[in-house]
PDB file of all heavy atoms in Angstrom:
ATOM      1  N   GLU A   1       4.683 -11.689  -0.938  1.00  0.00           N
ATOM      2  CA  GLU A   1       5.488 -10.472  -1.219  1.00  0.00           C
ATOM      3  C   GLU A   1       4.506  -9.261  -1.550  1.00  0.00           C
ATOM      4  O   GLU A   1       3.287  -9.524  -1.943  1.00  0.00           O
ATOM      5  CB  GLU A   1       6.343 -10.755  -2.430  1.00  0.00           C
ATOM      6  CG  GLU A   1       7.444 -11.794  -2.066  1.00  0.00           C
ATOM      7  CD  GLU A   1       8.388 -11.897  -3.312  1.00  0.00           C
ATOM      8  OE1 GLU A   1       7.939 -11.990  -4.391  1.00  0.00           O
ATOM      9  OE2 GLU A   1       9.606 -11.987  -3.005  1.00  0.00           O
ATOM     10  N   THR A   2       5.054  -8.128  -1.351  1.00  0.00           N
ATOM     11  CA  THR A   2       4.196  -6.889  -1.554  1.00  0.00           C
ATOM     12  C   THR A   2       4.236  -6.355  -2.925  1.00  0.00           C
ATOM     13  O   THR A   2       5.192  -5.621  -3.306  1.00  0.00           O
ATOM     14  CB  THR A   2       4.612  -5.841  -0.527  1.00  0.00           C
ATOM     15  OG1 THR A   2       4.714  -6.390   0.791  1.00  0.00           O
ATOM     16  CG2 THR A   2       3.650  -4.733  -0.498  1.00  0.00           C
ATOM     17  N   TRP A   3       3.363  -6.873  -3.747  1.00  0.00           N
ATOM     18  CA  TRP A   3       3.276  -6.363  -5.140  1.00  0.00           C
ATOM     19  C   TRP A   3       2.095  -5.447  -5.331  1.00  0.00           C
ATOM     20  O   TRP A   3       1.194  -5.491  -4.580  1.00  0.00           O
ATOM     21  CB  TRP A   3       3.150  -7.538  -6.101  1.00  0.00           C
ATOM     22  CG  TRP A   3       4.293  -8.433  -6.027  1.00  0.00           C
ATOM     23  CD1 TRP A   3       4.299  -9.714  -5.556  1.00  0.00           C
ATOM     24  CD2 TRP A   3       5.633  -8.251  -6.562  1.00  0.00           C
ATOM     25  NE1 TRP A   3       5.659 -10.273  -5.638  1.00  0.00           N
ATOM     26  CE2 TRP A   3       6.405  -9.368  -6.241  1.00  0.00           C
ATOM     27  CE3 TRP A   3       6.331  -7.140  -7.179  1.00  0.00           C
ATOM     28  CZ2 TRP A   3       7.762  -9.487  -6.557  1.00  0.00           C
ATOM     29  CZ3 TRP A   3       7.611  -7.289  -7.502  1.00  0.00           C
ATOM     30  CH2 TRP A   3       8.350  -8.390  -7.265  1.00  0.00           C
ATOM     31  N   SER A   4       2.048  -4.660  -6.340  1.00  0.00           N
ATOM     32  CA  SER A   4       0.969  -3.756  -6.649  1.00  0.00           C
ATOM     33  C   SER A   4       0.735  -3.811  -8.232  1.00  0.00           C
ATOM     34  O   SER A   4       1.677  -4.067  -9.004  1.00  0.00           O
ATOM     35  CB  SER A   4       1.253  -2.349  -6.240  1.00  0.00           C
ATOM     36  OG  SER A   4       0.194  -1.481  -6.615  1.00  0.00           O
ATOM     37  N   LEU A   5      -0.513  -3.503  -8.567  1.00  0.00           N
ATOM     38  CA  LEU A   5      -0.811  -3.482 -10.042  1.00  0.00           C
ATOM     39  C   LEU A   5      -0.086  -2.256 -10.763  1.00  0.00           C
ATOM     40  O   LEU A   5       0.105  -2.326 -11.924  1.00  0.00           O
ATOM     41  CB  LEU A   5      -2.334  -3.370 -10.233  1.00  0.00           C
ATOM     42  CG  LEU A   5      -3.148  -4.550  -9.733  1.00  0.00           C
ATOM     43  CD1 LEU A   5      -4.640  -4.273  -9.831  1.00  0.00           C
ATOM     44  CD2 LEU A   5      -2.792  -5.845 -10.463  1.00  0.00           C
ATOM     45  N   THR A   6       0.150  -1.254  -9.915  1.00  0.00           N
ATOM     46  CA  THR A   6       0.889  -0.095 -10.478  1.00  0.00           C
ATOM     47  C   THR A   6       2.095   0.080  -9.589  1.00  0.00           C
ATOM     48  O   THR A   6       2.292  -0.447  -8.523  1.00  0.00           O
ATOM     49  CB  THR A   6      -0.028   1.134 -10.445  1.00  0.00           C
ATOM     50  OG1 THR A   6      -0.392   1.365  -9.040  1.00  0.00           O
ATOM     51  CG2 THR A   6      -1.284   0.937 -11.243  1.00  0.00           C
ATOM     52  N   GLU A   7       3.041   0.964 -10.122  1.00  0.00           N
ATOM     53  CA  GLU A   7       4.198   1.305  -9.371  1.00  0.00           C
ATOM     54  C   GLU A   7       3.787   2.302  -8.233  1.00  0.00           C
ATOM     55  O   GLU A   7       3.476   3.481  -8.596  1.00  0.00           O
ATOM     56  CB  GLU A   7       5.315   1.995 -10.313  1.00  0.00           C
ATOM     57  CG  GLU A   7       6.583   2.178  -9.645  1.00  0.00           C
ATOM     58  CD  GLU A   7       7.301   0.906  -9.274  1.00  0.00           C
ATOM     59  OE1 GLU A   7       7.009  -0.151  -9.832  1.00  0.00           O
ATOM     60  OE2 GLU A   7       8.124   0.943  -8.310  1.00  0.00           O
ATOM     61  N   ASP A   8       3.768   1.854  -7.046  1.00  0.00           N
ATOM     62  CA  ASP A   8       3.281   2.698  -5.931  1.00  0.00           C
ATOM     63  C   ASP A   8       4.410   3.452  -5.354  1.00  0.00           C
ATOM     64  O   ASP A   8       5.239   2.955  -4.589  1.00  0.00           O
ATOM     65  CB  ASP A   8       2.627   1.825  -4.799  1.00  0.00           C
ATOM     66  CG  ASP A   8       1.117   1.716  -5.024  1.00  0.00           C
ATOM     67  OD1 ASP A   8       0.640   2.254  -5.967  1.00  0.00           O
ATOM     68  OD2 ASP A   8       0.440   1.036  -4.169  1.00  0.00           O
ATOM     69  N   ASN A   9       4.472   4.721  -5.750  1.00  0.00           N
ATOM     70  CA  ASN A   9       5.462   5.629  -5.060  1.00  0.00           C
ATOM     71  C   ASN A   9       4.563   6.860  -4.697  1.00  0.00           C
ATOM     72  O   ASN A   9       4.071   7.533  -5.571  1.00  0.00           O
ATOM     73  CB  ASN A   9       6.565   6.064  -6.071  1.00  0.00           C
ATOM     74  CG  ASN A   9       7.369   4.871  -6.456  1.00  0.00           C
ATOM     75  OD1 ASN A   9       7.618   4.008  -5.663  1.00  0.00           O
ATOM     76  ND2 ASN A   9       7.876   4.819  -7.673  1.00  0.00           N
ATOM     77  N   LEU A  10       4.408   7.107  -3.391  1.00  0.00           N
ATOM     78  CA  LEU A  10       3.526   8.252  -3.122  1.00  0.00           C
ATOM     79  C   LEU A  10       3.944   8.759  -1.732  1.00  0.00           C
ATOM     80  O   LEU A  10       4.567   8.103  -0.883  1.00  0.00           O
ATOM     81  CB  LEU A  10       2.060   7.785  -3.014  1.00  0.00           C
ATOM     82  CG  LEU A  10       1.634   6.688  -2.056  1.00  0.00           C
ATOM     83  CD1 LEU A  10       1.202   7.312  -0.740  1.00  0.00           C
ATOM     84  CD2 LEU A  10       0.519   5.890  -2.643  1.00  0.00           C
ATOM     85  N   VAL A  11       3.541   9.991  -1.524  1.00  0.00           N
ATOM     86  CA  VAL A  11       3.710  10.641  -0.189  1.00  0.00           C
ATOM     87  C   VAL A  11       2.364  10.617   0.459  1.00  0.00           C
ATOM     88  O   VAL A  11       1.366  11.032  -0.062  1.00  0.00           O
ATOM     89  CB  VAL A  11       4.168  12.080  -0.330  1.00  0.00           C
ATOM     90  CG1 VAL A  11       4.248  12.746   1.062  1.00  0.00           C
ATOM     91  CG2 VAL A  11       5.592  12.155  -0.996  1.00  0.00           C
ATOM     92  N   VAL A  12       2.320  10.043   1.722  1.00  0.00           N
ATOM     93  CA  VAL A  12       1.023   9.939   2.399  1.00  0.00           C
ATOM     94  C   VAL A  12       0.534  11.363   2.728  1.00  0.00           C
ATOM     95  O   VAL A  12       1.226  12.127   3.431  1.00  0.00           O
ATOM     96  CB  VAL A  12       1.162   9.097   3.664  1.00  0.00           C
ATOM     97  CG1 VAL A  12      -0.187   8.960   4.399  1.00  0.00           C
ATOM     98  CG2 VAL A  12       1.711   7.674   3.337  1.00  0.00           C
ATOM     99  N   PRO A  13      -0.640  11.761   2.313  1.00  0.00           N
ATOM    100  CA  PRO A  13      -1.110  13.093   2.646  1.00  0.00           C
ATOM    101  C   PRO A  13      -1.293  13.296   4.090  1.00  0.00           C
ATOM    102  O   PRO A  13      -1.495  12.393   4.905  1.00  0.00           O
ATOM    103  CB  PRO A  13      -2.491  13.116   1.843  1.00  0.00           C
ATOM    104  CG  PRO A  13      -2.427  12.021   0.859  1.00  0.00           C
ATOM    105  CD  PRO A  13      -1.559  10.965   1.473  1.00  0.00           C
ATOM    106  N   GLU A  14      -1.298  14.604   4.465  1.00  0.00           N
ATOM    107  CA  GLU A  14      -1.508  14.953   5.906  1.00  0.00           C
ATOM    108  C   GLU A  14      -2.876  14.499   6.335  1.00  0.00           C
ATOM    109  O   GLU A  14      -3.895  14.693   5.668  1.00  0.00           O
ATOM    110  CB  GLU A  14      -1.370  16.470   6.079  1.00  0.00           C
ATOM    111  CG  GLU A  14      -1.355  16.975   7.488  1.00  0.00           C
ATOM    112  CD  GLU A  14      -0.035  16.481   8.103  1.00  0.00           C
ATOM    113  OE1 GLU A  14       1.030  16.287   7.533  1.00  0.00           O
ATOM    114  OE2 GLU A  14      -0.068  16.282   9.393  1.00  0.00           O
ATOM    115  N   GLY A  15      -2.885  13.920   7.535  1.00  0.00           N
ATOM    116  CA  GLY A  15      -4.191  13.434   8.090  1.00  0.00           C
ATOM    117  C   GLY A  15      -4.615  12.115   7.595  1.00  0.00           C
ATOM    118  O   GLY A  15      -5.762  11.698   7.874  1.00  0.00           O
ATOM    119  N   ARG A  16      -3.822  11.440   6.734  1.00  0.00           N
ATOM    120  CA  ARG A  16      -4.225  10.203   6.176  1.00  0.00           C
ATOM    121  C   ARG A  16      -3.163   9.062   6.430  1.00  0.00           C
ATOM    122  O   ARG A  16      -1.988   9.403   6.864  1.00  0.00           O
ATOM    123  CB  ARG A  16      -4.441  10.359   4.656  1.00  0.00           C
ATOM    124  CG  ARG A  16      -5.537  11.391   4.278  1.00  0.00           C
ATOM    125  CD  ARG A  16      -5.803  11.364   2.803  1.00  0.00           C
ATOM    126  NE  ARG A  16      -6.576  10.143   2.477  1.00  0.00           N
ATOM    127  CZ  ARG A  16      -7.913  10.082   2.486  1.00  0.00           C
ATOM    128  NH1 ARG A  16      -8.661  11.125   2.902  1.00  0.00           N
ATOM    129  NH2 ARG A  16      -8.497   9.040   2.102  1.00  0.00           N
ATOM    130  N   TYR A  17      -3.546   7.840   6.235  1.00  0.00           N
ATOM    131  CA  TYR A  17      -2.677   6.720   6.551  1.00  0.00           C
ATOM    132  C   TYR A  17      -2.698   5.633   5.489  1.00  0.00           C
ATOM    133  O   TYR A  17      -3.743   5.429   4.822  1.00  0.00           O
ATOM    134  CB  TYR A  17      -3.106   6.087   7.900  1.00  0.00           C
ATOM    135  CG  TYR A  17      -2.965   7.087   9.078  1.00  0.00           C
ATOM    136  CD1 TYR A  17      -4.028   7.914   9.355  1.00  0.00           C
ATOM    137  CD2 TYR A  17      -1.923   7.133   9.875  1.00  0.00           C
ATOM    138  CE1 TYR A  17      -3.994   8.863  10.382  1.00  0.00           C
ATOM    139  CE2 TYR A  17      -1.807   8.074  10.876  1.00  0.00           C
ATOM    140  CZ  TYR A  17      -2.842   8.904  11.161  1.00  0.00           C
ATOM    141  OH  TYR A  17      -2.743   9.834  12.199  1.00  0.00           O
ATOM    142  N   TYR A  18      -1.615   5.002   5.280  1.00  0.00           N
ATOM    143  CA  TYR A  18      -1.436   3.990   4.261  1.00  0.00           C
ATOM    144  C   TYR A  18      -1.489   2.616   5.000  1.00  0.00           C
ATOM    145  O   TYR A  18      -0.726   2.337   5.927  1.00  0.00           O
ATOM    146  CB  TYR A  18      -0.080   4.124   3.529  1.00  0.00           C
ATOM    147  CG  TYR A  18       0.088   3.274   2.285  1.00  0.00           C
ATOM    148  CD1 TYR A  18      -0.321   3.706   1.070  1.00  0.00           C
ATOM    149  CD2 TYR A  18       0.683   2.004   2.383  1.00  0.00           C
ATOM    150  CE1 TYR A  18      -0.111   2.961  -0.126  1.00  0.00           C
ATOM    151  CE2 TYR A  18       0.816   1.136   1.297  1.00  0.00           C
ATOM    152  CZ  TYR A  18       0.444   1.716   0.013  1.00  0.00           C
ATOM    153  OH  TYR A  18       0.654   0.925  -1.070  1.00  0.00           O
ATOM    154  N   VAL A  19      -2.462   1.787   4.586  1.00  0.00           N
ATOM    155  CA  VAL A  19      -2.649   0.490   5.280  1.00  0.00           C
ATOM    156  C   VAL A  19      -2.434  -0.700   4.288  1.00  0.00           C
ATOM    157  O   VAL A  19      -2.717  -0.588   3.103  1.00  0.00           O
ATOM    158  CB  VAL A  19      -4.073   0.416   5.916  1.00  0.00           C
ATOM    159  CG1 VAL A  19      -4.209   1.449   6.966  1.00  0.00           C
ATOM    160  CG2 VAL A  19      -5.171   0.555   4.872  1.00  0.00           C
ATOM    161  N   LEU A  20      -1.953  -1.773   4.879  1.00  0.00           N
ATOM    162  CA  LEU A  20      -1.793  -3.011   4.085  1.00  0.00           C
ATOM    163  C   LEU A  20      -2.227  -4.182   4.942  1.00  0.00           C
ATOM    164  O   LEU A  20      -2.149  -4.178   6.194  1.00  0.00           O
ATOM    165  CB  LEU A  20      -0.296  -3.219   3.689  1.00  0.00           C
ATOM    166  CG  LEU A  20       0.327  -2.250   2.689  1.00  0.00           C
ATOM    167  CD1 LEU A  20       1.798  -2.491   2.448  1.00  0.00           C
ATOM    168  CD2 LEU A  20      -0.425  -2.263   1.311  1.00  0.00           C
ATOM    169  N   GLY A  21      -2.660  -5.235   4.291  1.00  0.00           N
ATOM    170  CA  GLY A  21      -2.947  -6.476   4.941  1.00  0.00           C
ATOM    171  C   GLY A  21      -1.740  -7.280   5.078  1.00  0.00           C
ATOM    172  O   GLY A  21      -0.809  -7.204   4.231  1.00  0.00           O
ATOM    173  N   ASP A  22      -1.586  -8.082   6.096  1.00  0.00           N
ATOM    174  CA  ASP A  22      -0.359  -8.834   6.329  1.00  0.00           C
ATOM    175  C   ASP A  22      -0.227  -9.961   5.267  1.00  0.00           C
ATOM    176  O   ASP A  22       0.859 -10.371   4.900  1.00  0.00           O
ATOM    177  CB  ASP A  22      -0.316  -9.518   7.683  1.00  0.00           C
ATOM    178  CG  ASP A  22      -0.132  -8.426   8.792  1.00  0.00           C
ATOM    179  OD1 ASP A  22       0.214  -7.305   8.434  1.00  0.00           O
ATOM    180  OD2 ASP A  22      -0.194  -8.822   9.975  1.00  0.00           O
ATOM    181  N   ASN A  23      -1.333 -10.484   4.688  1.00  0.00           N
ATOM    182  CA  ASN A  23      -1.320 -11.443   3.609  1.00  0.00           C
ATOM    183  C   ASN A  23      -1.320 -10.681   2.343  1.00  0.00           C
ATOM    184  O   ASN A  23      -2.268 -10.472   1.700  1.00  0.00           O
ATOM    185  CB  ASN A  23      -2.541 -12.319   3.757  1.00  0.00           C
ATOM    186  CG  ASN A  23      -2.541 -13.509   2.820  1.00  0.00           C
ATOM    187  OD1 ASN A  23      -1.551 -13.684   2.047  1.00  0.00           O
ATOM    188  ND2 ASN A  23      -3.528 -14.392   2.866  1.00  0.00           N
ATOM    189  N   ARG A  24      -0.042 -10.222   1.988  1.00  0.00           N
ATOM    190  CA  ARG A  24       0.070  -9.214   0.912  1.00  0.00           C
ATOM    191  C   ARG A  24      -0.465  -9.627  -0.425  1.00  0.00           C
ATOM    192  O   ARG A  24      -0.836  -8.757  -1.213  1.00  0.00           O
ATOM    193  CB  ARG A  24       1.568  -8.868   0.787  1.00  0.00           C
ATOM    194  CG  ARG A  24       2.152  -8.241   2.101  1.00  0.00           C
ATOM    195  CD  ARG A  24       1.440  -6.843   2.332  1.00  0.00           C
ATOM    196  NE  ARG A  24       1.594  -6.303   3.658  1.00  0.00           N
ATOM    197  CZ  ARG A  24       2.755  -5.742   4.100  1.00  0.00           C
ATOM    198  NH1 ARG A  24       3.771  -5.602   3.375  1.00  0.00           N
ATOM    199  NH2 ARG A  24       2.710  -5.318   5.368  1.00  0.00           N
ATOM    200  N   GLU A  25      -0.482 -10.943  -0.725  1.00  0.00           N
ATOM    201  CA  GLU A  25      -1.012 -11.369  -2.052  1.00  0.00           C
ATOM    202  C   GLU A  25      -2.437 -11.640  -2.078  1.00  0.00           C
ATOM    203  O   GLU A  25      -2.967 -11.914  -3.154  1.00  0.00           O
ATOM    204  CB  GLU A  25      -0.181 -12.574  -2.494  1.00  0.00           C
ATOM    205  CG  GLU A  25       1.289 -12.257  -2.638  1.00  0.00           C
ATOM    206  CD  GLU A  25       2.129 -13.576  -3.027  1.00  0.00           C
ATOM    207  OE1 GLU A  25       1.526 -14.581  -3.322  1.00  0.00           O
ATOM    208  OE2 GLU A  25       3.346 -13.430  -3.033  1.00  0.00           O
ATOM    209  N   HIS A  26      -3.129 -11.470  -0.962  1.00  0.00           N
ATOM    210  CA  HIS A  26      -4.492 -11.640  -0.885  1.00  0.00           C
ATOM    211  C   HIS A  26      -5.211 -10.622  -0.008  1.00  0.00           C
ATOM    212  O   HIS A  26      -5.776 -10.908   1.037  1.00  0.00           O
ATOM    213  CB  HIS A  26      -4.907 -13.047  -0.409  1.00  0.00           C
ATOM    214  CG  HIS A  26      -4.430 -14.153  -1.346  1.00  0.00           C
ATOM    215  ND1 HIS A  26      -3.107 -14.668  -1.209  1.00  0.00           N
ATOM    216  CD2 HIS A  26      -5.020 -14.780  -2.409  1.00  0.00           C
ATOM    217  CE1 HIS A  26      -2.994 -15.622  -2.151  1.00  0.00           C
ATOM    218  NE2 HIS A  26      -4.110 -15.698  -2.861  1.00  0.00           N
ATOM    219  N   SER A  27      -4.978  -9.327  -0.324  1.00  0.00           N
ATOM    220  CA  SER A  27      -5.558  -8.304   0.509  1.00  0.00           C
ATOM    221  C   SER A  27      -5.925  -7.090  -0.345  1.00  0.00           C
ATOM    222  O   SER A  27      -5.208  -6.640  -1.216  1.00  0.00           O
ATOM    223  CB  SER A  27      -4.480  -7.846   1.596  1.00  0.00           C
ATOM    224  OG  SER A  27      -4.947  -6.745   2.284  1.00  0.00           O
TER     225      SER A  27
END
């Protein structure tokens, strides 16, 4: 499952990208 240490609510800035590993608990 996709958990985070903090509450991740954000707007991706222009020219940037949000990336995640498929192994969500070990990435």
